[in-house]
């Protein structure tokens, strides 16, 4: 990784093999609650979308489970 490259979320760029995302108990509970039709809030829903656990809703990516850069491996 070059020194001039901008960082976009996630940890430092020194360990490219480290990182990725593993669902925490809180995220599993939120996902279960969301699927049951209960309110989880805007921020929690956006967080689950960024982690690829819920499909996106924007016109370009509607229905796709796209993982944000912070949570990629």
N, C-alpha and C. Protein backbone atom coordinates (compact mmCIF):
# COMPACT_ATOMS: atom_id res chain seq x y z
N UNK A 1 0.84 -1.17 0.00
CA UNK A 1 0.00 0.00 0.00
C UNK A 1 0.89 1.24 0.00
N UNK A 2 0.60 2.18 -0.87
CA UNK A 2 1.44 3.36 -0.96
C UNK A 2 1.13 4.32 0.18
N UNK A 3 2.11 5.14 0.52
CA UNK A 3 1.97 6.08 1.62
C UNK A 3 1.04 7.24 1.26
N UNK A 4 0.81 7.47 -0.03
CA UNK A 4 -0.03 8.60 -0.44
C UNK A 4 -1.50 8.22 -0.58
N UNK A 5 -1.82 6.94 -0.48
CA UNK A 5 -3.20 6.51 -0.64
C UNK A 5 -4.04 6.90 0.58
N UNK A 6 -5.23 7.44 0.31
CA UNK A 6 -6.12 7.85 1.38
C UNK A 6 -6.78 6.64 2.00
N UNK A 7 -6.94 6.68 3.32
CA UNK A 7 -7.64 5.60 3.99
C UNK A 7 -9.14 5.85 3.93
N UNK A 8 -9.91 4.79 3.78
CA UNK A 8 -11.37 4.91 3.74
C UNK A 8 -11.98 3.92 4.70
N UNK A 9 -12.05 4.28 5.96
CA UNK A 9 -12.66 3.41 6.96
C UNK A 9 -11.77 2.23 7.32
N UNK A 10 -12.15 1.55 8.36
CA UNK A 10 -11.41 0.38 8.79
C UNK A 10 -10.20 0.76 9.62
N UNK A 11 -9.35 -0.19 9.86
CA UNK A 11 -8.16 0.03 10.67
C UNK A 11 -7.05 0.66 9.86
N UNK A 12 -5.85 0.56 10.39
CA UNK A 12 -4.71 1.12 9.67
C UNK A 12 -4.41 0.26 8.45
N UNK A 13 -3.66 0.79 7.52
CA UNK A 13 -3.35 0.06 6.29
C UNK A 13 -2.14 -0.84 6.40
N UNK A 14 -1.58 -0.99 7.60
CA UNK A 14 -0.34 -1.72 7.75
C UNK A 14 -0.54 -3.24 7.70
N UNK A 15 -1.72 -3.74 7.98
CA UNK A 15 -1.97 -5.17 7.95
C UNK A 15 -3.10 -5.50 6.98
N UNK A 16 -2.82 -5.56 5.68
CA UNK A 16 -3.88 -5.78 4.71
C UNK A 16 -4.57 -7.14 4.85
N UNK A 17 -3.89 -8.17 5.41
CA UNK A 17 -4.51 -9.47 5.54
C UNK A 17 -5.44 -9.54 6.75
N UNK A 18 -5.28 -8.64 7.70
CA UNK A 18 -6.14 -8.64 8.88
C UNK A 18 -7.42 -7.87 8.58
N UNK A 19 -8.43 -8.04 9.41
CA UNK A 19 -9.66 -7.29 9.23
C UNK A 19 -10.79 -8.17 8.77
N UNK A 20 -11.71 -7.58 8.06
CA UNK A 20 -12.90 -8.32 7.67
C UNK A 20 -13.97 -8.14 8.73
N UNK A 21 -15.07 -8.83 8.57
CA UNK A 21 -16.18 -8.66 9.50
C UNK A 21 -16.72 -10.01 9.92
N UNK A 22 -16.95 -10.14 11.21
CA UNK A 22 -17.64 -11.30 11.76
C UNK A 22 -18.80 -10.76 12.58
N UNK A 23 -19.99 -11.29 12.34
CA UNK A 23 -21.19 -10.77 13.00
C UNK A 23 -21.08 -10.93 14.52
N UNK A 24 -21.35 -9.84 15.23
CA UNK A 24 -21.34 -9.87 16.68
C UNK A 24 -22.72 -10.27 17.19
N UNK A 25 -22.82 -10.56 18.46
CA UNK A 25 -24.11 -10.93 19.04
C UNK A 25 -25.12 -9.79 18.87
N UNK A 26 -24.65 -8.56 19.05
CA UNK A 26 -25.53 -7.40 18.90
C UNK A 26 -26.10 -7.33 17.48
N UNK A 27 -25.24 -7.55 16.47
CA UNK A 27 -25.70 -7.51 15.08
C UNK A 27 -26.66 -8.65 14.77
N UNK A 28 -26.39 -9.83 15.30
CA UNK A 28 -27.31 -10.96 15.08
C UNK A 28 -28.66 -10.68 15.71
N UNK A 29 -28.66 -10.08 16.91
CA UNK A 29 -29.91 -9.73 17.58
C UNK A 29 -30.68 -8.68 16.80
N UNK A 30 -29.96 -7.65 16.30
CA UNK A 30 -30.61 -6.60 15.50
C UNK A 30 -31.22 -7.18 14.23
N UNK A 31 -30.50 -8.08 13.58
CA UNK A 31 -30.99 -8.69 12.36
C UNK A 31 -32.23 -9.54 12.63
N UNK A 32 -32.22 -10.28 13.73
CA UNK A 32 -33.38 -11.09 14.11
C UNK A 32 -34.58 -10.20 14.39
N UNK A 33 -34.35 -9.09 15.09
CA UNK A 33 -35.42 -8.15 15.42
C UNK A 33 -35.97 -7.50 14.14
N UNK A 34 -35.08 -7.12 13.22
CA UNK A 34 -35.50 -6.49 11.96
C UNK A 34 -36.36 -7.45 11.13
N UNK A 35 -35.93 -8.69 11.05
CA UNK A 35 -36.67 -9.69 10.26
C UNK A 35 -38.01 -10.03 10.88
N UNK A 36 -38.13 -9.80 12.20
CA UNK A 36 -39.40 -10.04 12.88
C UNK A 36 -40.36 -8.87 12.68
N UNK A 37 -39.88 -7.80 12.02
CA UNK A 37 -40.74 -6.66 11.72
C UNK A 37 -40.74 -5.59 12.79
N UNK A 38 -39.82 -5.68 13.74
CA UNK A 38 -39.74 -4.68 14.81
C UNK A 38 -38.80 -3.55 14.40
N UNK A 39 -38.97 -2.40 15.04
CA UNK A 39 -38.16 -1.23 14.72
C UNK A 39 -36.77 -1.37 15.35
N UNK A 40 -35.73 -1.10 14.55
CA UNK A 40 -34.36 -1.12 15.09
C UNK A 40 -33.69 0.24 14.94
N UNK A 41 -34.29 1.16 14.20
CA UNK A 41 -33.72 2.48 14.04
C UNK A 41 -32.92 2.62 12.76
N UNK A 42 -32.81 3.85 12.31
CA UNK A 42 -32.14 4.15 11.03
C UNK A 42 -30.67 3.78 11.05
N UNK A 43 -29.95 4.16 12.10
CA UNK A 43 -28.51 3.93 12.15
C UNK A 43 -28.19 2.44 12.19
N UNK A 44 -28.93 1.68 12.98
CA UNK A 44 -28.69 0.24 13.06
C UNK A 44 -28.96 -0.42 11.72
N UNK A 45 -30.02 0.02 11.03
CA UNK A 45 -30.35 -0.54 9.73
C UNK A 45 -29.24 -0.22 8.72
N UNK A 46 -28.75 1.02 8.74
CA UNK A 46 -27.67 1.42 7.83
C UNK A 46 -26.40 0.63 8.12
N UNK A 47 -26.15 0.36 9.38
CA UNK A 47 -24.98 -0.41 9.77
C UNK A 47 -25.06 -1.84 9.24
N UNK A 48 -26.23 -2.44 9.33
CA UNK A 48 -26.41 -3.80 8.81
C UNK A 48 -26.27 -3.84 7.29
N UNK A 49 -26.67 -2.77 6.62
CA UNK A 49 -26.50 -2.69 5.16
C UNK A 49 -25.02 -2.60 4.80
N UNK A 50 -24.27 -1.79 5.56
CA UNK A 50 -22.84 -1.63 5.29
C UNK A 50 -22.09 -2.94 5.49
N UNK A 51 -22.58 -3.77 6.41
CA UNK A 51 -21.94 -5.05 6.69
C UNK A 51 -22.39 -6.15 5.73
N UNK A 52 -23.33 -5.82 4.85
CA UNK A 52 -23.79 -6.78 3.86
C UNK A 52 -24.82 -7.76 4.40
N UNK A 53 -25.42 -7.44 5.55
CA UNK A 53 -26.42 -8.34 6.13
C UNK A 53 -27.82 -8.02 5.65
N UNK A 54 -28.03 -6.80 5.14
CA UNK A 54 -29.30 -6.40 4.57
C UNK A 54 -29.06 -5.89 3.16
N UNK A 55 -30.02 -6.05 2.26
CA UNK A 55 -29.84 -5.53 0.90
C UNK A 55 -29.93 -4.01 0.87
N UNK A 56 -29.22 -3.42 -0.08
CA UNK A 56 -29.24 -1.96 -0.25
C UNK A 56 -30.57 -1.51 -0.83
N UNK A 57 -30.88 -0.21 -0.69
CA UNK A 57 -32.14 0.32 -1.18
C UNK A 57 -31.98 1.42 -2.22
N UNK A 58 -30.73 1.84 -2.50
CA UNK A 58 -30.54 2.88 -3.50
C UNK A 58 -30.89 2.33 -4.88
N UNK A 59 -31.23 3.21 -5.80
CA UNK A 59 -31.67 2.77 -7.12
C UNK A 59 -30.60 1.91 -7.81
N UNK A 60 -29.36 2.34 -7.74
CA UNK A 60 -28.28 1.62 -8.43
C UNK A 60 -28.05 0.22 -7.84
N UNK A 61 -28.10 0.12 -6.53
CA UNK A 61 -27.77 -1.15 -5.86
C UNK A 61 -28.96 -1.81 -5.20
N UNK A 62 -30.16 -1.50 -5.65
CA UNK A 62 -31.37 -2.03 -5.01
C UNK A 62 -31.37 -3.56 -4.99
N UNK A 63 -31.53 -4.10 -3.79
CA UNK A 63 -31.62 -5.55 -3.63
C UNK A 63 -30.30 -6.27 -3.53
N UNK A 64 -29.18 -5.57 -3.69
CA UNK A 64 -27.87 -6.21 -3.65
C UNK A 64 -27.28 -6.10 -2.24
N UNK A 65 -26.64 -7.15 -1.80
CA UNK A 65 -25.98 -7.13 -0.49
C UNK A 65 -24.52 -6.76 -0.72
N UNK A 66 -24.24 -5.47 -0.76
CA UNK A 66 -22.91 -4.96 -1.03
C UNK A 66 -22.23 -4.62 0.29
N UNK A 67 -21.02 -5.11 0.48
CA UNK A 67 -20.28 -4.87 1.72
C UNK A 67 -19.47 -3.59 1.57
N UNK A 68 -19.53 -2.71 2.58
CA UNK A 68 -18.77 -1.47 2.56
C UNK A 68 -17.28 -1.74 2.72
N UNK A 69 -16.44 -0.78 2.34
CA UNK A 69 -14.99 -0.97 2.37
C UNK A 69 -14.43 -1.29 3.75
N UNK A 70 -15.04 -0.78 4.79
CA UNK A 70 -14.56 -1.02 6.15
C UNK A 70 -14.68 -2.49 6.54
N UNK A 71 -15.65 -3.19 5.98
CA UNK A 71 -15.93 -4.55 6.39
C UNK A 71 -15.46 -5.61 5.39
N UNK A 72 -14.75 -5.20 4.35
CA UNK A 72 -14.21 -6.17 3.38
C UNK A 72 -13.01 -6.87 3.95
N UNK A 73 -12.75 -8.05 3.41
CA UNK A 73 -11.55 -8.81 3.85
C UNK A 73 -10.40 -8.53 2.96
